[in-house]
PDB file of N, CA and C in Angstrom:
ATOM      1  N   MET A   1       0.827  -1.171   0.000  1.00  0.00           N
ATOM      2  CA  MET A   1       0.000   0.000   0.000  1.00  0.00           C
ATOM      3  C   MET A   1       0.879   1.244   0.000  1.00  0.00           C
ATOM      4  N   THR A   2       0.551   2.218  -0.808  1.00  0.00           N
ATOM      5  CA  THR A   2       1.329   3.454  -0.875  1.00  0.00           C
ATOM      6  C   THR A   2       0.585   4.554  -0.139  1.00  0.00           C
ATOM      7  N   THR A   3       1.356   5.510   0.334  1.00  0.00           N
ATOM      8  CA  THR A   3       0.751   6.648   1.022  1.00  0.00           C
ATOM      9  C   THR A   3       0.586   7.796   0.046  1.00  0.00           C
ATOM     10  N   ASP A   4      -0.375   8.612   0.324  1.00  0.00           N
ATOM     11  CA  ASP A   4      -0.659   9.778  -0.503  1.00  0.00           C
ATOM     12  C   ASP A   4       0.400  10.846  -0.234  1.00  0.00           C
ATOM     13  N   PRO A   5       1.029  11.399  -1.281  1.00  0.00           N
ATOM     14  CA  PRO A   5       2.041  12.450  -1.068  1.00  0.00           C
ATOM     15  C   PRO A   5       1.486  13.658  -0.314  1.00  0.00           C
ATOM     16  N   LYS A   6       0.200  13.939  -0.504  1.00  0.00           N
ATOM     17  CA  LYS A   6      -0.411  15.069   0.197  1.00  0.00           C
ATOM     18  C   LYS A   6      -0.431  14.808   1.707  1.00  0.00           C
ATOM     19  N   ASP A   7      -0.723  13.560   2.093  1.00  0.00           N
ATOM     20  CA  ASP A   7      -0.709  13.202   3.514  1.00  0.00           C
ATOM     21  C   ASP A   7       0.696  13.332   4.088  1.00  0.00           C
ATOM     22  N   ASP A   8       1.694  12.937   3.303  1.00  0.00           N
ATOM     23  CA  ASP A   8       3.086  13.061   3.743  1.00  0.00           C
ATOM     24  C   ASP A   8       3.456  14.527   3.948  1.00  0.00           C
ATOM     25  N   ALA A   9       3.001  15.386   3.038  1.00  0.00           N
ATOM     26  CA  ALA A   9       3.304  16.813   3.147  1.00  0.00           C
ATOM     27  C   ALA A   9       2.645  17.416   4.389  1.00  0.00           C
ATOM     28  N   VAL A  10       1.417  17.009   4.654  1.00  0.00           N
ATOM     29  CA  VAL A  10       0.703  17.512   5.831  1.00  0.00           C
ATOM     30  C   VAL A  10       1.411  17.056   7.106  1.00  0.00           C
ATOM     31  N   ALA A  11       1.830  15.798   7.137  1.00  0.00           N
ATOM     32  CA  ALA A  11       2.535  15.275   8.310  1.00  0.00           C
ATOM     33  C   ALA A  11       3.878  15.978   8.501  1.00  0.00           C
ATOM     34  N   ALA A  12       4.583  16.234   7.409  1.00  0.00           N
ATOM     35  CA  ALA A  12       5.872  16.921   7.497  1.00  0.00           C
ATOM     36  C   ALA A  12       5.690  18.353   8.007  1.00  0.00           C
ATOM     37  N   GLU A  13       4.655  19.022   7.538  1.00  0.00           N
ATOM     38  CA  GLU A  13       4.381  20.392   7.994  1.00  0.00           C
ATOM     39  C   GLU A  13       4.025  20.402   9.479  1.00  0.00           C
ATOM     40  N   ALA A  14       3.242  19.436   9.914  1.00  0.00           N
ATOM     41  CA  ALA A  14       2.879  19.352  11.331  1.00  0.00           C
ATOM     42  C   ALA A  14       4.120  19.103  12.187  1.00  0.00           C
ATOM     43  N   ALA A  15       5.006  18.249  11.724  1.00  0.00           N
ATOM     44  CA  ALA A  15       6.240  17.967  12.462  1.00  0.00           C
ATOM     45  C   ALA A  15       7.126  19.206  12.523  1.00  0.00           C
ATOM     46  N   ARG A  16       7.191  19.939  11.427  1.00  0.00           N
ATOM     47  CA  ARG A  16       7.996  21.169  11.388  1.00  0.00           C
ATOM     48  C   ARG A  16       7.454  22.186  12.388  1.00  0.00           C
ATOM     49  N   ARG A  17       6.148  22.346  12.422  1.00  0.00           N
ATOM     50  CA  ARG A  17       5.534  23.290  13.360  1.00  0.00           C
ATOM     51  C   ARG A  17       5.769  22.873  14.811  1.00  0.00           C
ATOM     52  N   ARG A  18       5.711  21.568  15.087  1.00  0.00           N
ATOM     53  CA  ARG A  18       5.981  21.089  16.447  1.00  0.00           C
ATOM     54  C   ARG A  18       7.411  21.399  16.860  1.00  0.00           C
ATOM     55  N   ARG A  19       8.354  21.188  15.943  1.00  0.00           N
ATOM     56  CA  ARG A  19       9.762  21.483  16.256  1.00  0.00           C
ATOM     57  C   ARG A  19       9.956  22.971  16.510  1.00  0.00           C
ATOM     58  N   LEU A  20       9.347  23.807  15.683  1.00  0.00           N
ATOM     59  CA  LEU A  20       9.448  25.258  15.889  1.00  0.00           C
ATOM     60  C   LEU A  20       8.846  25.667  17.229  1.00  0.00           C
ATOM     61  N   ALA A  21       7.706  25.084  17.576  1.00  0.00           N
ATOM     62  CA  ALA A  21       7.059  25.411  18.848  1.00  0.00           C
ATOM     63  C   ALA A  21       7.915  24.970  20.028  1.00  0.00           C
ATOM     64  N   GLU A  22       8.605  23.828  19.898  1.00  0.00           N
ATOM     65  CA  GLU A  22       9.477  23.363  20.973  1.00  0.00           C
ATOM     66  C   GLU A  22      10.644  24.322  21.185  1.00  0.00           C
ATOM     67  N   VAL A  23      11.174  24.862  20.097  1.00  0.00           N
ATOM     68  CA  VAL A  23      12.336  25.742  20.189  1.00  0.00           C
ATOM     69  C   VAL A  23      11.933  27.156  20.595  1.00  0.00           C
ATOM     70  N   PHE A  24      10.954  27.705  19.910  1.00  0.00           N
ATOM     71  CA  PHE A  24      10.611  29.111  20.094  1.00  0.00           C
ATOM     72  C   PHE A  24       9.365  29.338  20.939  1.00  0.00           C
ATOM     73  N   GLY A  25       8.603  28.316  21.217  1.00  0.00           N
ATOM     74  CA  GLY A  25       7.355  28.478  21.942  1.00  0.00           C
ATOM     75  C   GLY A  25       6.268  28.988  21.016  1.00  0.00           C
ATOM     76  N   GLU A  26       5.141  29.251  21.584  1.00  0.00           N
ATOM     77  CA  GLU A  26       4.018  29.770  20.810  1.00  0.00           C
ATOM     78  C   GLU A  26       4.135  31.288  20.765  1.00  0.00           C
ATOM     79  N   VAL A  27       4.712  31.815  19.715  1.00  0.00           N
ATOM     80  CA  VAL A  27       4.969  33.246  19.645  1.00  0.00           C
ATOM     81  C   VAL A  27       3.872  34.008  18.920  1.00  0.00           C
ATOM     82  N   LEU A  28       3.006  33.320  18.211  1.00  0.00           N
ATOM     83  CA  LEU A  28       1.961  34.003  17.474  1.00  0.00           C
ATOM     84  C   LEU A  28       0.748  34.224  18.370  1.00  0.00           C
ATOM     85  N   PRO A  29       0.109  35.382  18.265  1.00  0.00           N
ATOM     86  CA  PRO A  29      -1.078  35.633  19.068  1.00  0.00           C
ATOM     87  C   PRO A  29      -2.245  34.767  18.605  1.00  0.00           C
ATOM     88  N   ASP A  30      -3.229  34.583  19.483  1.00  0.00           N
ATOM     89  CA  ASP A  30      -4.411  33.811  19.117  1.00  0.00           C
ATOM     90  C   ASP A  30      -5.262  34.543  18.096  1.00  0.00           C
ATOM     91  N   THR A  31      -5.234  35.867  18.126  1.00  0.00           N
ATOM     92  CA  THR A  31      -5.975  36.657  17.145  1.00  0.00           C
ATOM     93  C   THR A  31      -5.013  37.576  16.416  1.00  0.00           C
ATOM     94  N   THR A  32      -5.363  37.917  15.206  1.00  0.00           N
ATOM     95  CA  THR A  32      -4.542  38.845  14.439  1.00  0.00           C
ATOM     96  C   THR A  32      -5.074  40.254  14.621  1.00  0.00           C
ATOM     97  N   SER A  33      -4.297  41.239  14.220  1.00  0.00           N
ATOM     98  CA  SER A  33      -4.693  42.629  14.443  1.00  0.00           C
ATOM     99  C   SER A  33      -5.988  42.986  13.723  1.00  0.00           C
ATOM    100  N   ASP A  34      -6.278  42.348  12.599  1.00  0.00           N
ATOM    101  CA  ASP A  34      -7.519  42.670  11.899  1.00  0.00           C
ATOM    102  C   ASP A  34      -8.738  42.038  12.573  1.00  0.00           C
ATOM    103  N   GLU A  35      -8.531  41.115  13.504  1.00  0.00           N
ATOM    104  CA  GLU A  35      -9.637  40.520  14.238  1.00  0.00           C
ATOM    105  C   GLU A  35      -9.952  41.284  15.519  1.00  0.00           C
ATOM    106  N   ARG A  36      -9.048  42.148  15.949  1.00  0.00           N
ATOM    107  CA  ARG A  36      -9.226  42.887  17.196  1.00  0.00           C
ATOM    108  C   ARG A  36      -9.850  44.248  16.936  1.00  0.00           C
ATOM    109  N   ASP A  37     -10.461  44.784  17.965  1.00  0.00           N
ATOM    110  CA  ASP A  37     -11.031  46.123  17.900  1.00  0.00           C
ATOM    111  C   ASP A  37      -9.885  47.128  17.840  1.00  0.00           C
ATOM    112  N   PRO A  38      -9.820  47.969  16.800  1.00  0.00           N
ATOM    113  CA  PRO A  38      -8.684  48.885  16.674  1.00  0.00           C
ATOM    114  C   PRO A  38      -8.587  49.893  17.811  1.00  0.00           C
ATOM    115  N   ASP A  39      -9.704  50.270  18.425  1.00  0.00           N
ATOM    116  CA  ASP A  39      -9.679  51.252  19.506  1.00  0.00           C
ATOM    117  C   ASP A  39      -9.722  50.602  20.881  1.00  0.00           C
ATOM    118  N   GLY A  40      -9.931  49.328  20.938  1.00  0.00           N
ATOM    119  CA  GLY A  40     -10.095  48.655  22.221  1.00  0.00           C
ATOM    120  C   GLY A  40      -8.809  48.559  23.004  1.00  0.00           C
ATOM    121  N   GLY A  41      -8.880  48.983  24.250  1.00  0.00           N
ATOM    122  CA  GLY A  41      -7.765  48.778  25.151  1.00  0.00           C
ATOM    123  C   GLY A  41      -6.713  49.859  25.182  1.00  0.00           C
ATOM    124  N   SER A  42      -6.667  50.783  24.243  1.00  0.00           N
ATOM    125  CA  SER A  42      -5.598  51.779  24.256  1.00  0.00           C
ATOM    126  C   SER A  42      -5.712  52.688  25.479  1.00  0.00           C
ATOM    127  N   ALA A  43      -6.919  53.080  25.852  1.00  0.00           N
ATOM    128  CA  ALA A  43      -7.100  53.913  27.040  1.00  0.00           C
ATOM    129  C   ALA A  43      -6.778  53.117  28.294  1.00  0.00           C
ATOM    130  N   ASP A  44      -7.143  51.845  28.296  1.00  0.00           N
ATOM    131  CA  ASP A  44      -6.853  50.999  29.452  1.00  0.00           C
ATOM    132  C   ASP A  44      -5.354  50.838  29.648  1.00  0.00           C
ATOM    133  N   ARG A  45      -4.636  50.657  28.562  1.00  0.00           N
ATOM    134  CA  ARG A  45      -3.184  50.507  28.672  1.00  0.00           C
ATOM    135  C   ARG A  45      -2.555  51.787  29.198  1.00  0.00           C
ATOM    136  N   GLU A  46      -3.000  52.916  28.700  1.00  0.00           N
ATOM    137  CA  GLU A  46      -2.453  54.201  29.143  1.00  0.00           C
ATOM    138  C   GLU A  46      -2.730  54.415  30.626  1.00  0.00           C
ATOM    139  N   SER A  47      -3.938  54.122  31.056  1.00  0.00           N
ATOM    140  CA  SER A  47      -4.254  54.302  32.476  1.00  0.00           C
ATOM    141  C   SER A  47      -3.461  53.324  33.333  1.00  0.00           C
ATOM    142  N   TRP A  48      -3.217  52.109  32.844  1.00  0.00           N
ATOM    143  CA  TRP A  48      -2.409  51.147  33.593  1.00  0.00           C
ATOM    144  C   TRP A  48      -1.001  51.692  33.795  1.00  0.00           C
ATOM    145  N   TYR A  49      -0.420  52.263  32.741  1.00  0.00           N
ATOM    146  CA  TYR A  49       0.931  52.828  32.870  1.00  0.00           C
ATOM    147  C   TYR A  49       0.949  54.006  33.841  1.00  0.00           C
ATOM    148  N   ARG A  50      -0.068  54.834  33.816  1.00  0.00           N
ATOM    149  CA  ARG A  50      -0.126  55.959  34.754  1.00  0.00           C
ATOM    150  C   ARG A  50      -0.255  55.472  36.194  1.00  0.00           C
ATOM    151  N   GLU A  51      -1.101  54.473  36.418  1.00  0.00           N
ATOM    152  CA  GLU A  51      -1.307  53.950  37.766  1.00  0.00           C
ATOM    153  C   GLU A  51      -0.071  53.238  38.304  1.00  0.00           C
ATOM    154  N   ASN A  52       0.729  52.677  37.439  1.00  0.00           N
ATOM    155  CA  ASN A  52       1.888  51.893  37.868  1.00  0.00           C
ATOM    156  C   ASN A  52       3.213  52.610  37.645  1.00  0.00           C
ATOM    157  N   ARG A  53       3.145  53.920  37.422  1.00  0.00           N
ATOM    158  CA  ARG A  53       4.363  54.707  37.228  1.00  0.00           C
ATOM    159  C   ARG A  53       5.112  54.830  38.545  1.00  0.00           C
ATOM    160  N   PRO A  54       6.404  54.597  38.546  1.00  0.00           N
ATOM    161  CA  PRO A  54       7.178  54.749  39.780  1.00  0.00           C
ATOM    162  C   PRO A  54       7.162  56.207  40.246  1.00  0.00           C
ATOM    163  N   PRO A  55       7.180  56.441  41.554  1.00  0.00           N
ATOM    164  CA  PRO A  55       7.108  57.808  42.085  1.00  0.00           C
ATOM    165  C   PRO A  55       8.235  58.707  41.593  1.00  0.00           C
ATOM    166  N   HIS A  56       9.398  58.146  41.360  1.00  0.00           N
ATOM    167  CA  HIS A  56      10.527  58.976  40.942  1.00  0.00           C
ATOM    168  C   HIS A  56      10.414  59.435  39.484  1.00  0.00           C
ATOM    169  N   HIS A  57       9.382  59.005  38.770  1.00  0.00           N
ATOM    170  CA  HIS A  57       9.165  59.466  37.400  1.00  0.00           C
ATOM    171  C   HIS A  57       8.178  60.627  37.344  1.00  0.00           C
ATOM    172  N   GLY A  58       7.813  61.177  38.457  1.00  0.00           N
ATOM    173  CA  GLY A  58       6.908  62.326  38.494  1.00  0.00           C
ATOM    174  C   GLY A  58       5.474  61.904  38.266  1.00  0.00           C
ATOM    175  N   GLY A  59       4.615  62.859  38.319  1.00  0.00           N
ATOM    176  CA  GLY A  59       3.286  62.432  38.020  1.00  0.00           C
ATOM    177  C   GLY A  59       2.195  63.225  38.530  1.00  0.00           C
TER     178      GLY A  59
END
């Protein structure tokens, strides 16, 4: 019985991705920038930085 070359390619790609994940970890976000709200969170991030600013940085 012979294997389908397409199945071999899929298996090779899966193995390559596993090796990359082992070395570099999961570096890609779960969502891409076009899936996120463009205005969401920018004010929250700014307020977080203001609230957590060290005293010696003024404020």
